[in-house]
Amino acid sequence: MKIGTDIIQIERIETLINKYDIKFKQKYLCENEIKLAKKVETLAGFWAAKEAIAKALGCGIGADLTFHDIHISKTHKGAPYFVLTHHAQQTHKIVDSSLSISHDGGFAIAVVVITTS
C-alpha cells in the first residue's frame, strides 16, 4: 500500500487560469476533466490529486507519469476516482486505489491510497 498527498493554494491556480485560461487547462487536464471542473476549487483539487497520485507511485510528474496519464472523474454521487492511461497502468500496475479531494480556507488538498501488484 502506498500513500500520497498534496496541497495547493487555490489562488495559485486562479492566477494561472487568469493568465493562460484554456491553454493552462489543456496542459494538465484531459477533455472530460475540463468539463467537470467548472470552479477554480475543483481545478486546484484535480491538480493536487494528480500530484498526490504521482507521489504515491514514487515517480512524481515527469517522464514516467505525465498529467495526461492520470484521468480524474467522479462517480454518480460525486466521489472522485482516477484511472491511468493504458501505458501508465502497464508501468505502475495499480490494482486498487482510493482518492479524496477537499478544499477550504483557500487551499485544496488530495490524499490517495494505492495498492500495486
PDB file of N, CA and C in Angstrom:
ATOM      1  N   MET A   1       0.845  -1.172   0.000  1.00  0.00           N
ATOM      2  CA  MET A   1       0.000   0.000   0.000  1.00  0.00           C
ATOM      3  C   MET A   1       0.896   1.243   0.000  1.00  0.00           C
ATOM      4  N   LYS A   2       0.518   2.214  -0.815  1.00  0.00           N
ATOM      5  CA  LYS A   2       1.283   3.452  -0.908  1.00  0.00           C
ATOM      6  C   LYS A   2       0.334   4.632  -0.732  1.00  0.00           C
ATOM      7  N   ILE A   3       0.822   5.678  -0.087  1.00  0.00           N
ATOM      8  CA  ILE A   3       0.000   6.863   0.192  1.00  0.00           C
ATOM      9  C   ILE A   3       0.687   8.092  -0.393  1.00  0.00           C
ATOM     10  N   GLY A   4      -0.110   8.977  -0.970  1.00  0.00           N
ATOM     11  CA  GLY A   4       0.404  10.250  -1.465  1.00  0.00           C
ATOM     12  C   GLY A   4      -0.546  11.366  -1.074  1.00  0.00           C
ATOM     13  N   THR A   5      -0.002  12.542  -0.836  1.00  0.00           N
ATOM     14  CA  THR A   5      -0.829  13.704  -0.507  1.00  0.00           C
ATOM     15  C   THR A   5      -0.225  14.939  -1.157  1.00  0.00           C
ATOM     16  N   ASP A   6      -1.080  15.907  -1.433  1.00  0.00           N
ATOM     17  CA  ASP A   6      -0.605  17.172  -1.976  1.00  0.00           C
ATOM     18  C   ASP A   6      -1.591  18.264  -1.567  1.00  0.00           C
ATOM     19  N   ILE A   7      -1.069  19.438  -1.371  1.00  0.00           N
ATOM     20  CA  ILE A   7      -1.880  20.605  -1.034  1.00  0.00           C
ATOM     21  C   ILE A   7      -1.420  21.763  -1.916  1.00  0.00           C
ATOM     22  N   ILE A   8      -2.364  22.569  -2.347  1.00  0.00           N
ATOM     23  CA  ILE A   8      -2.040  23.713  -3.196  1.00  0.00           C
ATOM     24  C   ILE A   8      -2.930  24.892  -2.821  1.00  0.00           C
ATOM     25  N   GLN A   9      -2.366  26.063  -2.902  1.00  0.00           N
ATOM     26  CA  GLN A   9      -3.120  27.283  -2.668  1.00  0.00           C
ATOM     27  C   GLN A   9      -3.998  27.540  -3.900  1.00  0.00           C
ATOM     28  N   ILE A  10      -5.299  27.645  -3.698  1.00  0.00           N
ATOM     29  CA  ILE A  10      -6.242  27.824  -4.790  1.00  0.00           C
ATOM     30  C   ILE A  10      -5.933  29.088  -5.588  1.00  0.00           C
ATOM     31  N   GLU A  11      -5.487  30.121  -4.921  1.00  0.00           N
ATOM     32  CA  GLU A  11      -5.141  31.386  -5.588  1.00  0.00           C
ATOM     33  C   GLU A  11      -4.054  31.184  -6.644  1.00  0.00           C
ATOM     34  N   ARG A  12      -3.142  30.251  -6.397  1.00  0.00           N
ATOM     35  CA  ARG A  12      -2.077  29.975  -7.365  1.00  0.00           C
ATOM     36  C   ARG A  12      -2.678  29.473  -8.681  1.00  0.00           C
ATOM     37  N   ILE A  13      -3.640  28.569  -8.599  1.00  0.00           N
ATOM     38  CA  ILE A  13      -4.307  28.041  -9.793  1.00  0.00           C
ATOM     39  C   ILE A  13      -5.149  29.132 -10.450  1.00  0.00           C
ATOM     40  N   GLU A  14      -5.819  29.930  -9.646  1.00  0.00           N
ATOM     41  CA  GLU A  14      -6.638  31.018 -10.181  1.00  0.00           C
ATOM     42  C   GLU A  14      -5.786  32.009 -10.984  1.00  0.00           C
ATOM     43  N   THR A  15      -4.612  32.316 -10.481  1.00  0.00           N
ATOM     44  CA  THR A  15      -3.699  33.221 -11.182  1.00  0.00           C
ATOM     45  C   THR A  15      -3.303  32.637 -12.540  1.00  0.00           C
ATOM     46  N   LEU A  16      -3.000  31.349 -12.576  1.00  0.00           N
ATOM     47  CA  LEU A  16      -2.621  30.696 -13.834  1.00  0.00           C
ATOM     48  C   LEU A  16      -3.791  30.656 -14.820  1.00  0.00           C
ATOM     49  N   ILE A  17      -4.982  30.422 -14.329  1.00  0.00           N
ATOM     50  CA  ILE A  17      -6.171  30.409 -15.200  1.00  0.00           C
ATOM     51  C   ILE A  17      -6.412  31.801 -15.767  1.00  0.00           C
ATOM     52  N   ASN A  18      -6.302  32.819 -14.922  1.00  0.00           N
ATOM     53  CA  ASN A  18      -6.498  34.196 -15.394  1.00  0.00           C
ATOM     54  C   ASN A  18      -5.465  34.586 -16.445  1.00  0.00           C
ATOM     55  N   LYS A  19      -4.267  34.046 -16.326  1.00  0.00           N
ATOM     56  CA  LYS A  19      -3.198  34.393 -17.260  1.00  0.00           C
ATOM     57  C   LYS A  19      -3.253  33.567 -18.553  1.00  0.00           C
ATOM     58  N   TYR A  20      -3.513  32.260 -18.427  1.00  0.00           N
ATOM     59  CA  TYR A  20      -3.407  31.362 -19.581  1.00  0.00           C
ATOM     60  C   TYR A  20      -4.727  30.707 -20.003  1.00  0.00           C
ATOM     61  N   ASP A  21      -5.751  30.734 -19.166  1.00  0.00           N
ATOM     62  CA  ASP A  21      -7.077  30.166 -19.409  1.00  0.00           C
ATOM     63  C   ASP A  21      -7.012  28.750 -19.976  1.00  0.00           C
ATOM     64  N   ILE A  22      -7.565  28.535 -21.148  1.00  0.00           N
ATOM     65  CA  ILE A  22      -7.713  27.185 -21.695  1.00  0.00           C
ATOM     66  C   ILE A  22      -6.361  26.519 -21.953  1.00  0.00           C
ATOM     67  N   LYS A  23      -5.341  27.272 -22.294  1.00  0.00           N
ATOM     68  CA  LYS A  23      -4.014  26.680 -22.529  1.00  0.00           C
ATOM     69  C   LYS A  23      -3.487  26.018 -21.258  1.00  0.00           C
ATOM     70  N   PHE A  24      -3.715  26.679 -20.119  1.00  0.00           N
ATOM     71  CA  PHE A  24      -3.297  26.096 -18.849  1.00  0.00           C
ATOM     72  C   PHE A  24      -4.083  24.814 -18.574  1.00  0.00           C
ATOM     73  N   LYS A  25      -5.391  24.867 -18.761  1.00  0.00           N
ATOM     74  CA  LYS A  25      -6.231  23.693 -18.507  1.00  0.00           C
ATOM     75  C   LYS A  25      -5.825  22.529 -19.399  1.00  0.00           C
ATOM     76  N   GLN A  26      -5.595  22.797 -20.669  1.00  0.00           N
ATOM     77  CA  GLN A  26      -5.244  21.737 -21.615  1.00  0.00           C
ATOM     78  C   GLN A  26      -3.865  21.145 -21.330  1.00  0.00           C
ATOM     79  N   LYS A  27      -3.020  21.910 -20.680  1.00  0.00           N
ATOM     80  CA  LYS A  27      -1.675  21.423 -20.380  1.00  0.00           C
ATOM     81  C   LYS A  27      -1.696  20.297 -19.348  1.00  0.00           C
ATOM     82  N   TYR A  28      -2.653  20.320 -18.420  1.00  0.00           N
ATOM     83  CA  TYR A  28      -2.641  19.287 -17.396  1.00  0.00           C
ATOM     84  C   TYR A  28      -3.958  18.542 -17.199  1.00  0.00           C
ATOM     85  N   LEU A  29      -4.987  18.884 -17.952  1.00  0.00           N
ATOM     86  CA  LEU A  29      -6.270  18.187 -17.838  1.00  0.00           C
ATOM     87  C   LEU A  29      -6.674  17.549 -19.162  1.00  0.00           C
ATOM     88  N   CYS A  30      -7.395  16.432 -19.082  1.00  0.00           N
ATOM     89  CA  CYS A  30      -7.987  15.855 -20.287  1.00  0.00           C
ATOM     90  C   CYS A  30      -9.337  16.552 -20.518  1.00  0.00           C
ATOM     91  N   GLU A  31      -9.946  16.309 -21.672  1.00  0.00           N
ATOM     92  CA  GLU A  31     -11.201  16.993 -22.022  1.00  0.00           C
ATOM     93  C   GLU A  31     -12.297  16.785 -20.986  1.00  0.00           C
ATOM     94  N   ASN A  32     -12.464  15.563 -20.520  1.00  0.00           N
ATOM     95  CA  ASN A  32     -13.511  15.281 -19.543  1.00  0.00           C
ATOM     96  C   ASN A  32     -13.265  16.035 -18.230  1.00  0.00           C
ATOM     97  N   GLU A  33     -12.016  16.142 -17.818  1.00  0.00           N
ATOM     98  CA  GLU A  33     -11.695  16.873 -16.589  1.00  0.00           C
ATOM     99  C   GLU A  33     -12.002  18.358 -16.753  1.00  0.00           C
ATOM    100  N   ILE A  34     -11.726  18.907 -17.920  1.00  0.00           N
ATOM    101  CA  ILE A  34     -12.035  20.322 -18.175  1.00  0.00           C
ATOM    102  C   ILE A  34     -13.537  20.546 -18.063  1.00  0.00           C
ATOM    103  N   LYS A  35     -14.331  19.610 -18.574  1.00  0.00           N
ATOM    104  CA  LYS A  35     -15.795  19.717 -18.484  1.00  0.00           C
ATOM    105  C   LYS A  35     -16.275  19.619 -17.036  1.00  0.00           C
ATOM    106  N   LEU A  36     -15.658  18.744 -16.251  1.00  0.00           N
ATOM    107  CA  LEU A  36     -16.051  18.557 -14.855  1.00  0.00           C
ATOM    108  C   LEU A  36     -15.678  19.740 -13.965  1.00  0.00           C
ATOM    109  N   ALA A  37     -14.555  20.366 -14.260  1.00  0.00           N
ATOM    110  CA  ALA A  37     -14.001  21.406 -13.388  1.00  0.00           C
ATOM    111  C   ALA A  37     -14.555  22.776 -13.755  1.00  0.00           C
ATOM    112  N   LYS A  38     -15.691  23.093 -13.230  1.00  0.00           N
ATOM    113  CA  LYS A  38     -16.337  24.381 -13.516  1.00  0.00           C
ATOM    114  C   LYS A  38     -15.869  25.494 -12.572  1.00  0.00           C
ATOM    115  N   LYS A  39     -15.304  25.109 -11.419  1.00  0.00           N
ATOM    116  CA  LYS A  39     -14.833  26.088 -10.428  1.00  0.00           C
ATOM    117  C   LYS A  39     -13.327  25.954 -10.245  1.00  0.00           C
ATOM    118  N   VAL A  40     -12.712  27.055  -9.867  1.00  0.00           N
ATOM    119  CA  VAL A  40     -11.265  27.048  -9.629  1.00  0.00           C
ATOM    120  C   VAL A  40     -10.906  26.080  -8.501  1.00  0.00           C
ATOM    121  N   GLU A  41     -11.777  25.914  -7.521  1.00  0.00           N
ATOM    122  CA  GLU A  41     -11.512  24.986  -6.416  1.00  0.00           C
ATOM    123  C   GLU A  41     -11.401  23.552  -6.939  1.00  0.00           C
ATOM    124  N   THR A  42     -12.241  23.206  -7.910  1.00  0.00           N
ATOM    125  CA  THR A  42     -12.188  21.873  -8.496  1.00  0.00           C
ATOM    126  C   THR A  42     -10.897  21.690  -9.279  1.00  0.00           C
ATOM    127  N   LEU A  43     -10.519  22.700 -10.046  1.00  0.00           N
ATOM    128  CA  LEU A  43      -9.266  22.640 -10.793  1.00  0.00           C
ATOM    129  C   LEU A  43      -8.079  22.440  -9.854  1.00  0.00           C
ATOM    130  N   ALA A  44      -8.064  23.184  -8.779  1.00  0.00           N
ATOM    131  CA  ALA A  44      -6.977  23.055  -7.804  1.00  0.00           C
ATOM    132  C   ALA A  44      -6.986  21.660  -7.180  1.00  0.00           C
ATOM    133  N   GLY A  45      -8.168  21.139  -6.904  1.00  0.00           N
ATOM    134  CA  GLY A  45      -8.280  19.786  -6.358  1.00  0.00           C
ATOM    135  C   GLY A  45      -7.756  18.735  -7.317  1.00  0.00           C
ATOM    136  N   PHE A  46      -8.056  18.891  -8.602  1.00  0.00           N
ATOM    137  CA  PHE A  46      -7.555  17.950  -9.609  1.00  0.00           C
ATOM    138  C   PHE A  46      -6.033  18.014  -9.692  1.00  0.00           C
ATOM    139  N   TRP A  47      -5.511  19.237  -9.633  1.00  0.00           N
ATOM    140  CA  TRP A  47      -4.044  19.407  -9.646  1.00  0.00           C
ATOM    141  C   TRP A  47      -3.429  18.659  -8.457  1.00  0.00           C
ATOM    142  N   ALA A  48      -3.967  18.912  -7.266  1.00  0.00           N
ATOM    143  CA  ALA A  48      -3.451  18.266  -6.058  1.00  0.00           C
ATOM    144  C   ALA A  48      -3.586  16.748  -6.157  1.00  0.00           C
ATOM    145  N   ALA A  49      -4.684  16.277  -6.722  1.00  0.00           N
ATOM    146  CA  ALA A  49      -4.894  14.830  -6.856  1.00  0.00           C
ATOM    147  C   ALA A  49      -3.837  14.205  -7.756  1.00  0.00           C
ATOM    148  N   LYS A  50      -3.570  14.821  -8.886  1.00  0.00           N
ATOM    149  CA  LYS A  50      -2.574  14.272  -9.806  1.00  0.00           C
ATOM    150  C   LYS A  50      -1.189  14.257  -9.166  1.00  0.00           C
ATOM    151  N   GLU A  51      -0.863  15.299  -8.426  1.00  0.00           N
ATOM    152  CA  GLU A  51       0.423  15.338  -7.718  1.00  0.00           C
ATOM    153  C   GLU A  51       0.475  14.253  -6.636  1.00  0.00           C
ATOM    154  N   ALA A  52      -0.614  14.065  -5.900  1.00  0.00           N
ATOM    155  CA  ALA A  52      -0.663  13.053  -4.840  1.00  0.00           C
ATOM    156  C   ALA A  52      -0.509  11.648  -5.433  1.00  0.00           C
ATOM    157  N   ILE A  53      -1.147  11.402  -6.565  1.00  0.00           N
ATOM    158  CA  ILE A  53      -1.046  10.100  -7.234  1.00  0.00           C
ATOM    159  C   ILE A  53       0.396   9.838  -7.654  1.00  0.00           C
ATOM    160  N   ALA A  54       1.020  10.827  -8.256  1.00  0.00           N
ATOM    161  CA  ALA A  54       2.413  10.687  -8.682  1.00  0.00           C
ATOM    162  C   ALA A  54       3.334  10.433  -7.485  1.00  0.00           C
ATOM    163  N   LYS A  55       3.068  11.096  -6.377  1.00  0.00           N
ATOM    164  CA  LYS A  55       3.881  10.886  -5.178  1.00  0.00           C
ATOM    165  C   LYS A  55       3.691   9.477  -4.636  1.00  0.00           C
ATOM    166  N   ALA A  56       2.444   8.998  -4.612  1.00  0.00           N
ATOM    167  CA  ALA A  56       2.184   7.643  -4.117  1.00  0.00           C
ATOM    168  C   ALA A  56       2.877   6.599  -4.990  1.00  0.00           C
ATOM    169  N   LEU A  57       2.952   6.861  -6.286  1.00  0.00           N
ATOM    170  CA  LEU A  57       3.619   5.930  -7.197  1.00  0.00           C
ATOM    171  C   LEU A  57       5.130   6.064  -7.155  1.00  0.00           C
ATOM    172  N   GLY A  58       5.626   7.089  -6.449  1.00  0.00           N
ATOM    173  CA  GLY A  58       7.057   7.246  -6.241  1.00  0.00           C
ATOM    174  C   GLY A  58       7.827   7.774  -7.434  1.00  0.00           C
ATOM    175  N   CYS A  59       7.116   8.398  -8.370  1.00  0.00           N
ATOM    176  CA  CYS A  59       7.827   8.860  -9.570  1.00  0.00           C
ATOM    177  C   CYS A  59       7.665  10.357  -9.814  1.00  0.00           C
ATOM    178  N   GLY A  60       6.711  10.993  -9.182  1.00  0.00           N
ATOM    179  CA  GLY A  60       6.448  12.398  -9.450  1.00  0.00           C
ATOM    180  C   GLY A  60       5.901  12.580 -10.860  1.00  0.00           C
ATOM    181  N   ILE A  61       5.556  13.814 -11.191  1.00  0.00           N
ATOM    182  CA  ILE A  61       5.109  14.138 -12.542  1.00  0.00           C
ATOM    183  C   ILE A  61       6.353  14.386 -13.382  1.00  0.00           C
ATOM    184  N   GLY A  62       6.463  13.667 -14.479  1.00  0.00           N
ATOM    185  CA  GLY A  62       7.638  13.807 -15.340  1.00  0.00           C
ATOM    186  C   GLY A  62       7.589  12.798 -16.455  1.00  0.00           C
ATOM    187  N   ALA A  63       8.742  12.247 -16.803  1.00  0.00           N
ATOM    188  CA  ALA A  63       8.849  11.322 -17.935  1.00  0.00           C
ATOM    189  C   ALA A  63       8.073  10.025 -17.697  1.00  0.00           C
ATOM    190  N   ASP A  64       8.088   9.508 -16.458  1.00  0.00           N
ATOM    191  CA  ASP A  64       7.416   8.238 -16.159  1.00  0.00           C
ATOM    192  C   ASP A  64       5.899   8.369 -16.036  1.00  0.00           C
ATOM    193  N   LEU A  65       5.431   9.548 -15.688  1.00  0.00           N
ATOM    194  CA  LEU A  65       3.995   9.770 -15.477  1.00  0.00           C
ATOM    195  C   LEU A  65       3.694  11.241 -15.732  1.00  0.00           C
ATOM    196  N   THR A  66       2.882  11.514 -16.737  1.00  0.00           N
ATOM    197  CA  THR A  66       2.536  12.894 -17.062  1.00  0.00           C
ATOM    198  C   THR A  66       1.160  13.231 -16.507  1.00  0.00           C
ATOM    199  N   PHE A  67       0.825  14.509 -16.496  1.00  0.00           N
ATOM    200  CA  PHE A  67      -0.519  14.922 -16.077  1.00  0.00           C
ATOM    201  C   PHE A  67      -1.584  14.228 -16.921  1.00  0.00           C
ATOM    202  N   HIS A  68      -1.308  14.017 -18.207  1.00  0.00           N
ATOM    203  CA  HIS A  68      -2.295  13.409 -19.101  1.00  0.00           C
ATOM    204  C   HIS A  68      -2.371  11.893 -18.980  1.00  0.00           C
ATOM    205  N   ASP A  69      -1.475  11.271 -18.212  1.00  0.00           N
ATOM    206  CA  ASP A  69      -1.563   9.836 -17.936  1.00  0.00           C
ATOM    207  C   ASP A  69      -2.577   9.535 -16.840  1.00  0.00           C
ATOM    208  N   ILE A  70      -2.978  10.560 -16.102  1.00  0.00           N
ATOM    209  CA  ILE A  70      -3.910  10.415 -14.980  1.00  0.00           C
ATOM    210  C   ILE A  70      -5.232  11.060 -15.371  1.00  0.00           C
ATOM    211  N   HIS A  71      -6.314  10.287 -15.308  1.00  0.00           N
ATOM    212  CA  HIS A  71      -7.638  10.807 -15.658  1.00  0.00           C
ATOM    213  C   HIS A  71      -8.531  10.743 -14.417  1.00  0.00           C
ATOM    214  N   ILE A  72      -8.946  11.912 -13.952  1.00  0.00           N
ATOM    215  CA  ILE A  72      -9.798  12.003 -12.767  1.00  0.00           C
ATOM    216  C   ILE A  72     -11.243  12.155 -13.216  1.00  0.00           C
ATOM    217  N   SER A  73     -12.118  11.448 -12.535  1.00  0.00           N
ATOM    218  CA  SER A  73     -13.545  11.530 -12.828  1.00  0.00           C
ATOM    219  C   SER A  73     -14.295  11.500 -11.500  1.00  0.00           C
ATOM    220  N   LYS A  74     -15.609  11.460 -11.589  1.00  0.00           N
ATOM    221  CA  LYS A  74     -16.440  11.395 -10.385  1.00  0.00           C
ATOM    222  C   LYS A  74     -17.521  10.337 -10.569  1.00  0.00           C
ATOM    223  N   THR A  75     -17.867   9.673  -9.469  1.00  0.00           N
ATOM    224  CA  THR A  75     -18.966   8.714  -9.503  1.00  0.00           C
ATOM    225  C   THR A  75     -20.278   9.479  -9.617  1.00  0.00           C
ATOM    226  N   HIS A  76     -21.372   8.758  -9.782  1.00  0.00           N
ATOM    227  CA  HIS A  76     -22.684   9.416  -9.863  1.00  0.00           C
ATOM    228  C   HIS A  76     -23.037  10.150  -8.566  1.00  0.00           C
ATOM    229  N   LYS A  77     -22.363   9.817  -7.473  1.00  0.00           N
ATOM    230  CA  LYS A  77     -22.580  10.515  -6.199  1.00  0.00           C
ATOM    231  C   LYS A  77     -21.576  11.640  -5.977  1.00  0.00           C
ATOM    232  N   GLY A  78     -20.671  11.841  -6.939  1.00  0.00           N
ATOM    233  CA  GLY A  78     -19.714  12.948  -6.851  1.00  0.00           C
ATOM    234  C   GLY A  78     -18.378  12.611  -6.224  1.00  0.00           C
ATOM    235  N   ALA A  79     -18.151  11.342  -5.888  1.00  0.00           N
ATOM    236  CA  ALA A  79     -16.871  10.948  -5.287  1.00  0.00           C
ATOM    237  C   ALA A  79     -15.797  10.865  -6.371  1.00  0.00           C
ATOM    238  N   PRO A  80     -14.621  11.429  -6.115  1.00  0.00           N
ATOM    239  CA  PRO A  80     -13.557  11.381  -7.133  1.00  0.00           C
ATOM    240  C   PRO A  80     -12.898  10.005  -7.203  1.00  0.00           C
ATOM    241  N   TYR A  81     -12.463   9.665  -8.395  1.00  0.00           N
ATOM    242  CA  TYR A  81     -11.645   8.476  -8.606  1.00  0.00           C
ATOM    243  C   TYR A  81     -10.758   8.746  -9.816  1.00  0.00           C
ATOM    244  N   PHE A  82      -9.793   7.883 -10.049  1.00  0.00           N
ATOM    245  CA  PHE A  82      -8.906   8.091 -11.191  1.00  0.00           C
ATOM    246  C   PHE A  82      -8.592   6.770 -11.876  1.00  0.00           C
ATOM    247  N   VAL A  83      -8.204   6.892 -13.127  1.00  0.00           N
ATOM    248  CA  VAL A  83      -7.664   5.777 -13.894  1.00  0.00           C
ATOM    249  C   VAL A  83      -6.419   6.293 -14.604  1.00  0.00           C
ATOM    250  N   LEU A  84      -5.530   5.385 -14.908  1.00  0.00           N
ATOM    251  CA  LEU A  84      -4.328   5.731 -15.661  1.00  0.00           C
ATOM    252  C   LEU A  84      -4.504   5.312 -17.118  1.00  0.00           C
ATOM    253  N   THR A  85      -3.772   5.966 -18.004  1.00  0.00           N
ATOM    254  CA  THR A  85      -3.756   5.524 -19.392  1.00  0.00           C
ATOM    255  C   THR A  85      -3.201   4.101 -19.429  1.00  0.00           C
ATOM    256  N   HIS A  86      -3.461   3.407 -20.509  1.00  0.00           N
ATOM    257  CA  HIS A  86      -3.005   2.013 -20.639  1.00  0.00           C
ATOM    258  C   HIS A  86      -1.494   1.906 -20.415  1.00  0.00           C
ATOM    259  N   HIS A  87      -0.744   2.781 -21.043  1.00  0.00           N
ATOM    260  CA  HIS A  87       0.717   2.748 -20.913  1.00  0.00           C
ATOM    261  C   HIS A  87       1.145   2.938 -19.454  1.00  0.00           C
ATOM    262  N   ALA A  88       0.562   3.935 -18.777  1.00  0.00           N
ATOM    263  CA  ALA A  88       0.927   4.197 -17.378  1.00  0.00           C
ATOM    264  C   ALA A  88       0.498   3.050 -16.470  1.00  0.00           C
ATOM    265  N   GLN A  89      -0.656   2.461 -16.743  1.00  0.00           N
ATOM    266  CA  GLN A  89      -1.129   1.330 -15.938  1.00  0.00           C
ATOM    267  C   GLN A  89      -0.188   0.132 -16.093  1.00  0.00           C
ATOM    268  N   GLN A  90       0.305  -0.097 -17.302  1.00  0.00           N
ATOM    269  CA  GLN A  90       1.252  -1.195 -17.531  1.00  0.00           C
ATOM    270  C   GLN A  90       2.538  -0.975 -16.740  1.00  0.00           C
ATOM    271  N   THR A  91       2.952   0.272 -16.614  1.00  0.00           N
ATOM    272  CA  THR A  91       4.174   0.606 -15.885  1.00  0.00           C
ATOM    273  C   THR A  91       3.982   0.503 -14.377  1.00  0.00           C
ATOM    274  N   HIS A  92       2.845   1.015 -13.872  1.00  0.00           N
ATOM    275  CA  HIS A  92       2.665   1.146 -12.422  1.00  0.00           C
ATOM    276  C   HIS A  92       1.802   0.062 -11.791  1.00  0.00           C
ATOM    277  N   LYS A  93       1.033  -0.665 -12.567  1.00  0.00           N
ATOM    278  CA  LYS A  93       0.284  -1.845 -12.113  1.00  0.00           C
ATOM    279  C   LYS A  93      -0.575  -1.615 -10.863  1.00  0.00           C
ATOM    280  N   ILE A  94      -1.441  -0.618 -10.908  1.00  0.00           N
ATOM    281  CA  ILE A  94      -2.361  -0.345  -9.800  1.00  0.00           C
ATOM    282  C   ILE A  94      -3.470  -1.390  -9.798  1.00  0.00           C
ATOM    283  N   VAL A  95      -3.712  -2.007  -8.640  1.00  0.00           N
ATOM    284  CA  VAL A  95      -4.803  -2.976  -8.520  1.00  0.00           C
ATOM    285  C   VAL A  95      -5.973  -2.430  -7.711  1.00  0.00           C
ATOM    286  N   ASP A  96      -5.718  -1.427  -6.878  1.00  0.00           N
ATOM    287  CA  ASP A  96      -6.789  -0.803  -6.105  1.00  0.00           C
ATOM    288  C   ASP A  96      -6.343   0.595  -5.688  1.00  0.00           C
ATOM    289  N   SER A  97      -7.319   1.491  -5.548  1.00  0.00           N
ATOM    290  CA  SER A  97      -6.971   2.857  -5.149  1.00  0.00           C
ATOM    291  C   SER A  97      -8.166   3.551  -4.515  1.00  0.00           C
ATOM    292  N   SER A  98      -7.868   4.590  -3.771  1.00  0.00           N
ATOM    293  CA  SER A  98      -8.879   5.444  -3.181  1.00  0.00           C
ATOM    294  C   SER A  98      -8.350   6.875  -3.239  1.00  0.00           C
ATOM    295  N   LEU A  99      -9.224   7.809  -3.618  1.00  0.00           N
ATOM    296  CA  LEU A  99      -8.841   9.210  -3.768  1.00  0.00           C
ATOM    297  C   LEU A  99      -9.824  10.089  -3.017  1.00  0.00           C
ATOM    298  N   SER A 100      -9.295  11.032  -2.267  1.00  0.00           N
ATOM    299  CA  SER A 100     -10.120  12.019  -1.574  1.00  0.00           C
ATOM    300  C   SER A 100      -9.580  13.408  -1.898  1.00  0.00           C
ATOM    301  N   ILE A 101     -10.489  14.323  -2.245  1.00  0.00           N
ATOM    302  CA  ILE A 101     -10.124  15.706  -2.560  1.00  0.00           C
ATOM    303  C   ILE A 101     -11.000  16.618  -1.723  1.00  0.00           C
ATOM    304  N   SER A 102     -10.395  17.660  -1.157  1.00  0.00           N
ATOM    305  CA  SER A 102     -11.158  18.624  -0.370  1.00  0.00           C
ATOM    306  C   SER A 102     -10.560  20.008  -0.554  1.00  0.00           C
ATOM    307  N   HIS A 103     -11.364  21.031  -0.308  1.00  0.00           N
ATOM    308  CA  HIS A 103     -10.846  22.395  -0.356  1.00  0.00           C
ATOM    309  C   HIS A 103     -11.558  23.239   0.696  1.00  0.00           C
ATOM    310  N   ASP A 104     -10.757  24.115   1.320  1.00  0.00           N
ATOM    311  CA  ASP A 104     -11.278  25.003   2.350  1.00  0.00           C
ATOM    312  C   ASP A 104     -10.176  26.004   2.702  1.00  0.00           C
ATOM    313  N   GLY A 105     -10.581  27.172   3.118  1.00  0.00           N
ATOM    314  CA  GLY A 105      -9.629  28.164   3.603  1.00  0.00           C
ATOM    315  C   GLY A 105      -8.591  28.576   2.578  1.00  0.00           C
ATOM    316  N   GLY A 106      -8.956  28.519   1.301  1.00  0.00           N
ATOM    317  CA  GLY A 106      -8.023  28.938   0.265  1.00  0.00           C
ATOM    318  C   GLY A 106      -7.059  27.870  -0.204  1.00  0.00           C
ATOM    319  N   PHE A 107      -7.241  26.637   0.269  1.00  0.00           N
ATOM    320  CA  PHE A 107      -6.367  25.532  -0.126  1.00  0.00           C
ATOM    321  C   PHE A 107      -7.183  24.362  -0.640  1.00  0.00           C
ATOM    322  N   ALA A 108      -6.569  23.587  -1.532  1.00  0.00           N
ATOM    323  CA  ALA A 108      -7.131  22.312  -1.984  1.00  0.00           C
ATOM    324  C   ALA A 108      -6.129  21.236  -1.586  1.00  0.00           C
ATOM    325  N   ILE A 109      -6.653  20.116  -1.121  1.00  0.00           N
ATOM    326  CA  ILE A 109      -5.801  19.011  -0.692  1.00  0.00           C
ATOM    327  C   ILE A 109      -6.346  17.720  -1.286  1.00  0.00           C
ATOM    328  N   ALA A 110      -5.438  16.810  -1.581  1.00  0.00           N
ATOM    329  CA  ALA A 110      -5.817  15.493  -2.073  1.00  0.00           C
ATOM    330  C   ALA A 110      -4.972  14.435  -1.366  1.00  0.00           C
ATOM    331  N   VAL A 111      -5.613  13.312  -1.079  1.00  0.00           N
ATOM    332  CA  VAL A 111      -4.945  12.161  -0.480  1.00  0.00           C
ATOM    333  C   VAL A 111      -5.320  10.942  -1.306  1.00  0.00           C
ATOM    334  N   VAL A 112      -4.335  10.118  -1.605  1.00  0.00           N
ATOM    335  CA  VAL A 112      -4.589   8.904  -2.376  1.00  0.00           C
ATOM    336  C   VAL A 112      -3.911   7.724  -1.698  1.00  0.00           C
ATOM    337  N   VAL A 113      -4.594   6.594  -1.721  1.00  0.00           N
ATOM    338  CA  VAL A 113      -4.034   5.326  -1.258  1.00  0.00           C
ATOM    339  C   VAL A 113      -4.069   4.388  -2.459  1.00  0.00           C
ATOM    340  N   ILE A 114      -2.934   3.769  -2.739  1.00  0.00           N
ATOM    341  CA  ILE A 114      -2.802   2.926  -3.917  1.00  0.00           C
ATOM    342  C   ILE A 114      -2.194   1.577  -3.518  1.00  0.00           C
ATOM    343  N   THR A 115      -2.746   0.517  -4.086  1.00  0.00           N
ATOM    344  CA  THR A 115      -2.153  -0.801  -3.956  1.00  0.00           C
ATOM    345  C   THR A 115      -1.694  -1.226  -5.347  1.00  0.00           C
ATOM    346  N   THR A 116      -0.446  -1.641  -5.443  1.00  0.00           N
ATOM    347  CA  THR A 116       0.098  -2.091  -6.723  1.00  0.00           C
ATOM    348  C   THR A 116       0.426  -3.577  -6.639  1.00  0.00           C
ATOM    349  N   SER A 117       0.574  -4.204  -7.801  1.00  0.00           N
ATOM    350  CA  SER A 117       0.917  -5.629  -7.800  1.00  0.00           C
ATOM    351  C   SER A 117       2.419  -5.814  -7.888  1.00  0.00           C
TER     352      SER A 117
END
